[in-house]
Amino acid sequence: MTLTGGLWFAVASFDISDRARSMLLVFAGISNLLMIIALIRLRYVMQRVLADIRSYDGKGKIGGNFIIVGTFCALLLFAAIGSFVTSYGPSTYFTKNAPAKATP
């Protein structure tokens, strides 16, 4: 989420070309999709570790609760969709005010 916020800040704040803005937004979208995969994988690995610990202690299995992971994945997906949509026309969504020129 910090990566997305930083990239969106750069796109909105710096005076760069629309092509550079589009590339940054596509990178943000791809990064969000990859983070979804990494988050699901991390949750799976940690669930397996917890199951091993519980079996070692002689305790029963517990069901997985994926509310938090699902919520974060949904947020990352919405951010990715937003990045991809705005990458097609970044000048429509982001307007960087050009510095005022001094008149002689």
N, C-alpha and C. Protein backbone atom coordinates (compact mmCIF):
# COMPACT_ATOMS: atom_id res chain seq x y z
N MET A 1 0.83 -1.19 0.00
CA MET A 1 0.00 0.00 0.00
C MET A 1 0.87 1.26 0.00
N THR A 2 2.00 1.16 0.67
CA THR A 2 2.93 2.30 0.67
C THR A 2 3.50 2.51 -0.72
N LEU A 3 3.81 1.42 -1.42
CA LEU A 3 4.32 1.53 -2.78
C LEU A 3 3.31 2.22 -3.68
N THR A 4 2.06 1.81 -3.59
CA THR A 4 1.02 2.41 -4.41
C THR A 4 0.86 3.89 -4.08
N GLY A 5 0.82 4.20 -2.80
CA GLY A 5 0.68 5.61 -2.40
C GLY A 5 1.84 6.46 -2.88
N GLY A 6 3.05 5.93 -2.79
CA GLY A 6 4.21 6.68 -3.26
C GLY A 6 4.19 6.90 -4.75
N LEU A 7 3.81 5.87 -5.50
CA LEU A 7 3.74 6.02 -6.96
C LEU A 7 2.63 6.98 -7.37
N TRP A 8 1.49 6.88 -6.71
CA TRP A 8 0.40 7.80 -7.04
C TRP A 8 0.77 9.23 -6.67
N PHE A 9 1.50 9.41 -5.57
CA PHE A 9 1.96 10.74 -5.19
C PHE A 9 2.90 11.29 -6.26
N ALA A 10 3.81 10.46 -6.74
CA ALA A 10 4.74 10.90 -7.78
C ALA A 10 4.00 11.27 -9.06
N VAL A 11 3.02 10.46 -9.42
CA VAL A 11 2.25 10.73 -10.64
C VAL A 11 1.47 12.04 -10.50
N ALA A 12 0.93 12.28 -9.32
CA ALA A 12 0.09 13.47 -9.12
C ALA A 12 0.91 14.73 -8.87
N SER A 13 2.10 14.60 -8.32
CA SER A 13 2.85 15.77 -7.86
C SER A 13 3.92 16.27 -8.83
N PHE A 14 4.59 15.36 -9.50
CA PHE A 14 5.71 15.77 -10.33
C PHE A 14 5.27 16.09 -11.74
N ASP A 15 5.98 17.01 -12.35
CA ASP A 15 5.68 17.42 -13.72
C ASP A 15 6.40 16.47 -14.67
N ILE A 16 5.72 15.37 -15.03
CA ILE A 16 6.29 14.36 -15.93
C ILE A 16 5.32 14.14 -17.08
N SER A 17 5.81 13.48 -18.10
CA SER A 17 4.98 13.25 -19.29
C SER A 17 3.87 12.24 -18.99
N ASP A 18 2.86 12.25 -19.83
CA ASP A 18 1.75 11.29 -19.67
C ASP A 18 2.23 9.86 -19.84
N ARG A 19 3.21 9.65 -20.72
CA ARG A 19 3.74 8.30 -20.91
C ARG A 19 4.41 7.80 -19.64
N ALA A 20 5.18 8.67 -18.99
CA ALA A 20 5.83 8.28 -17.73
C ALA A 20 4.78 8.03 -16.65
N ARG A 21 3.75 8.85 -16.62
CA ARG A 21 2.67 8.64 -15.65
C ARG A 21 1.99 7.29 -15.90
N SER A 22 1.72 6.99 -17.16
CA SER A 22 1.08 5.72 -17.49
C SER A 22 1.94 4.54 -17.08
N MET A 23 3.23 4.64 -17.32
CA MET A 23 4.13 3.54 -16.96
C MET A 23 4.19 3.36 -15.44
N LEU A 24 4.22 4.45 -14.69
CA LEU A 24 4.23 4.35 -13.23
C LEU A 24 2.93 3.73 -12.71
N LEU A 25 1.82 4.11 -13.32
CA LEU A 25 0.53 3.57 -12.90
C LEU A 25 0.40 2.08 -13.24
N VAL A 26 0.90 1.68 -14.40
CA VAL A 26 0.87 0.26 -14.76
C VAL A 26 1.77 -0.52 -13.80
N PHE A 27 2.94 0.04 -13.47
CA PHE A 27 3.82 -0.61 -12.51
C PHE A 27 3.13 -0.76 -11.16
N ALA A 28 2.41 0.28 -10.72
CA ALA A 28 1.68 0.20 -9.45
C ALA A 28 0.62 -0.90 -9.50
N GLY A 29 -0.10 -0.99 -10.62
CA GLY A 29 -1.13 -2.02 -10.76
C GLY A 29 -0.56 -3.43 -10.74
N ILE A 30 0.54 -3.63 -11.48
CA ILE A 30 1.18 -4.95 -11.50
C ILE A 30 1.72 -5.29 -10.11
N SER A 31 2.30 -4.30 -9.45
CA SER A 31 2.82 -4.53 -8.09
C SER A 31 1.70 -4.94 -7.14
N ASN A 32 0.55 -4.32 -7.25
CA ASN A 32 -0.57 -4.68 -6.39
C ASN A 32 -1.04 -6.11 -6.66
N LEU A 33 -1.08 -6.50 -7.91
CA LEU A 33 -1.49 -7.88 -8.23
C LEU A 33 -0.48 -8.88 -7.69
N LEU A 34 0.80 -8.57 -7.80
CA LEU A 34 1.82 -9.46 -7.26
C LEU A 34 1.77 -9.53 -5.74
N MET A 35 1.42 -8.41 -5.11
CA MET A 35 1.29 -8.41 -3.65
C MET A 35 0.12 -9.28 -3.20
N ILE A 36 -0.93 -9.34 -3.99
CA ILE A 36 -2.06 -10.23 -3.66
C ILE A 36 -1.57 -11.67 -3.64
N ILE A 37 -0.81 -12.05 -4.66
CA ILE A 37 -0.28 -13.41 -4.72
C ILE A 37 0.64 -13.68 -3.53
N ALA A 38 1.51 -12.74 -3.23
CA ALA A 38 2.44 -12.91 -2.11
C ALA A 38 1.70 -13.00 -0.78
N LEU A 39 0.65 -12.21 -0.61
CA LEU A 39 -0.12 -12.23 0.62
C LEU A 39 -0.84 -13.57 0.82
N ILE A 40 -1.42 -14.08 -0.24
CA ILE A 40 -2.10 -15.38 -0.16
C ILE A 40 -1.08 -16.48 0.13
N ARG A 41 0.06 -16.42 -0.50
CA ARG A 41 1.11 -17.43 -0.26
C ARG A 41 1.61 -17.34 1.18
N LEU A 42 1.84 -16.15 1.68
CA LEU A 42 2.29 -15.98 3.06
C LEU A 42 1.26 -16.53 4.04
N ARG A 43 -0.01 -16.26 3.79
CA ARG A 43 -1.06 -16.77 4.66
C ARG A 43 -1.10 -18.29 4.64
N TYR A 44 -0.92 -18.88 3.47
CA TYR A 44 -0.90 -20.33 3.35
C TYR A 44 0.27 -20.94 4.13
N VAL A 45 1.46 -20.35 3.97
CA VAL A 45 2.63 -20.87 4.67
C VAL A 45 2.46 -20.74 6.18
N MET A 46 1.98 -19.61 6.64
CA MET A 46 1.81 -19.41 8.08
C MET A 46 0.73 -20.35 8.64
N GLN A 47 -0.30 -20.63 7.87
CA GLN A 47 -1.33 -21.57 8.30
C GLN A 47 -0.75 -22.97 8.46
N ARG A 48 0.14 -23.36 7.54
CA ARG A 48 0.79 -24.67 7.64
C ARG A 48 1.70 -24.74 8.86
N VAL A 49 2.43 -23.66 9.15
CA VAL A 49 3.30 -23.64 10.33
C VAL A 49 2.47 -23.75 11.60
N LEU A 50 1.38 -23.02 11.64
CA LEU A 50 0.49 -23.08 12.81
C LEU A 50 -0.08 -24.48 12.98
N ALA A 51 -0.46 -25.12 11.88
CA ALA A 51 -0.99 -26.48 11.96
C ALA A 51 0.08 -27.45 12.48
N ASP A 52 1.32 -27.28 12.03
CA ASP A 52 2.41 -28.13 12.52
C ASP A 52 2.66 -27.93 14.01
N ILE A 53 2.62 -26.70 14.45
CA ILE A 53 2.83 -26.40 15.87
C ILE A 53 1.71 -27.01 16.70
N ARG A 54 0.48 -26.86 16.25
CA ARG A 54 -0.65 -27.41 16.99
C ARG A 54 -0.61 -28.94 17.02
N SER A 55 -0.20 -29.57 15.93
CA SER A 55 -0.11 -31.04 15.93
C SER A 55 1.02 -31.50 16.84
N TYR A 56 2.11 -30.76 16.90
CA TYR A 56 3.22 -31.10 17.79
C TYR A 56 2.80 -30.99 19.26
N ASP A 57 1.98 -29.98 19.56
CA ASP A 57 1.50 -29.80 20.93
C ASP A 57 0.33 -30.74 21.27
N GLY A 58 -0.15 -31.48 20.30
CA GLY A 58 -1.25 -32.40 20.54
C GLY A 58 -2.61 -31.74 20.54
N LYS A 59 -2.71 -30.58 19.96
CA LYS A 59 -3.98 -29.86 19.89
C LYS A 59 -4.63 -30.13 18.54
N GLY A 60 -5.93 -29.95 18.51
CA GLY A 60 -6.68 -30.19 17.28
C GLY A 60 -6.46 -29.09 16.26
N LYS A 61 -6.89 -29.41 15.06
CA LYS A 61 -6.79 -28.43 13.97
C LYS A 61 -7.85 -27.34 14.15
N ILE A 62 -7.53 -26.17 13.66
CA ILE A 62 -8.50 -25.08 13.64
C ILE A 62 -8.71 -24.65 12.20
N GLY A 63 -9.86 -24.14 11.93
CA GLY A 63 -10.16 -23.68 10.59
C GLY A 63 -9.50 -22.34 10.31
N GLY A 64 -9.21 -22.11 9.06
CA GLY A 64 -8.59 -20.84 8.67
C GLY A 64 -9.62 -19.72 8.60
N ASN A 65 -9.24 -18.58 9.08
CA ASN A 65 -10.08 -17.40 9.00
C ASN A 65 -9.40 -16.43 8.04
N PHE A 66 -10.00 -16.24 6.90
CA PHE A 66 -9.38 -15.45 5.84
C PHE A 66 -10.02 -14.08 5.66
N ILE A 67 -10.66 -13.56 6.70
CA ILE A 67 -11.33 -12.26 6.60
C ILE A 67 -10.31 -11.14 6.36
N ILE A 68 -9.25 -11.13 7.15
CA ILE A 68 -8.26 -10.06 7.01
C ILE A 68 -7.53 -10.16 5.68
N VAL A 69 -7.11 -11.37 5.31
CA VAL A 69 -6.42 -11.57 4.04
C VAL A 69 -7.35 -11.20 2.88
N GLY A 70 -8.60 -11.60 2.96
CA GLY A 70 -9.55 -11.26 1.92
C GLY A 70 -9.78 -9.76 1.80
N THR A 71 -9.84 -9.09 2.95
CA THR A 71 -10.03 -7.63 2.94
C THR A 71 -8.83 -6.93 2.31
N PHE A 72 -7.63 -7.34 2.71
CA PHE A 72 -6.43 -6.72 2.13
C PHE A 72 -6.31 -7.02 0.64
N CYS A 73 -6.65 -8.24 0.24
CA CYS A 73 -6.61 -8.58 -1.18
C CYS A 73 -7.62 -7.75 -1.98
N ALA A 74 -8.80 -7.53 -1.41
CA ALA A 74 -9.80 -6.70 -2.09
C ALA A 74 -9.32 -5.27 -2.23
N LEU A 75 -8.70 -4.74 -1.18
CA LEU A 75 -8.18 -3.37 -1.25
C LEU A 75 -7.07 -3.26 -2.29
N LEU A 76 -6.17 -4.24 -2.31
CA LEU A 76 -5.11 -4.22 -3.31
C LEU A 76 -5.66 -4.37 -4.72
N LEU A 77 -6.70 -5.18 -4.87
CA LEU A 77 -7.32 -5.35 -6.19
C LEU A 77 -7.97 -4.05 -6.66
N PHE A 78 -8.68 -3.36 -5.76
CA PHE A 78 -9.28 -2.08 -6.13
C PHE A 78 -8.22 -1.05 -6.50
N ALA A 79 -7.11 -1.05 -5.77
CA ALA A 79 -6.02 -0.13 -6.09
C ALA A 79 -5.40 -0.47 -7.45
N ALA A 80 -5.27 -1.76 -7.74
CA ALA A 80 -4.73 -2.18 -9.04
C ALA A 80 -5.66 -1.76 -10.16
N ILE A 81 -6.95 -1.98 -9.98
CA ILE A 81 -7.93 -1.58 -11.00
C ILE A 81 -7.88 -0.07 -11.22
N GLY A 82 -7.82 0.67 -10.13
CA GLY A 82 -7.71 2.13 -10.24
C GLY A 82 -6.46 2.56 -10.98
N SER A 83 -5.35 1.89 -10.71
CA SER A 83 -4.10 2.22 -11.41
C SER A 83 -4.20 1.92 -12.90
N PHE A 84 -4.78 0.76 -13.24
CA PHE A 84 -4.89 0.41 -14.65
C PHE A 84 -5.85 1.35 -15.39
N VAL A 85 -6.96 1.69 -14.77
CA VAL A 85 -7.93 2.58 -15.41
C VAL A 85 -7.33 3.95 -15.66
N THR A 86 -6.66 4.50 -14.65
CA THR A 86 -6.09 5.84 -14.82
C THR A 86 -4.86 5.85 -15.72
N SER A 87 -4.24 4.68 -15.94
CA SER A 87 -3.06 4.66 -16.81
C SER A 87 -3.41 4.93 -18.27
N TYR A 88 -4.68 4.73 -18.65
CA TYR A 88 -5.08 4.98 -20.03
C TYR A 88 -5.22 6.46 -20.36
N GLY A 89 -5.45 7.28 -19.38
CA GLY A 89 -5.56 8.72 -19.61
C GLY A 89 -5.19 9.49 -18.36
N PRO A 90 -3.94 9.45 -17.96
CA PRO A 90 -3.57 10.06 -16.68
C PRO A 90 -3.81 11.57 -16.63
N SER A 91 -3.74 12.25 -17.77
CA SER A 91 -3.96 13.70 -17.74
C SER A 91 -5.41 14.04 -17.42
N THR A 92 -6.31 13.09 -17.60
CA THR A 92 -7.71 13.29 -17.24
C THR A 92 -7.89 13.32 -15.73
N TYR A 93 -7.09 12.52 -15.02
CA TYR A 93 -7.25 12.38 -13.58
C TYR A 93 -6.26 13.21 -12.77
N PHE A 94 -5.09 13.47 -13.34
CA PHE A 94 -4.05 14.20 -12.62
C PHE A 94 -3.71 15.48 -13.38
N THR A 95 -3.79 16.57 -12.70
CA THR A 95 -3.42 17.84 -13.31
C THR A 95 -2.34 18.47 -12.46
N LYS A 96 -1.18 18.58 -13.02
CA LYS A 96 -0.06 19.22 -12.32
C LYS A 96 -0.02 20.64 -12.79
N ASN A 97 -0.16 21.57 -11.86
CA ASN A 97 -0.11 22.98 -12.20
C ASN A 97 1.31 23.36 -12.58
N ALA A 98 1.43 23.94 -13.74
CA ALA A 98 2.74 24.42 -14.18
C ALA A 98 3.13 25.63 -13.37
N PRO A 99 4.42 25.79 -13.06
CA PRO A 99 4.83 26.95 -12.28
C PRO A 99 4.52 28.24 -13.04
N ALA A 100 4.10 29.22 -12.30
CA ALA A 100 3.76 30.50 -12.91
C ALA A 100 5.02 31.18 -13.44
N LYS A 101 4.92 31.67 -14.66
CA LYS A 101 6.07 32.34 -15.27
C LYS A 101 6.05 33.81 -14.86
N ALA A 102 7.22 34.29 -14.57
CA ALA A 102 7.32 35.70 -14.18
C ALA A 102 7.25 36.56 -15.45
N THR A 103 6.47 37.59 -15.38
CA THR A 103 6.35 38.49 -16.52
C THR A 103 7.30 39.66 -16.31
N PRO A 104 8.00 40.05 -17.37
CA PRO A 104 8.97 41.16 -17.23
C PRO A 104 8.31 42.51 -17.12
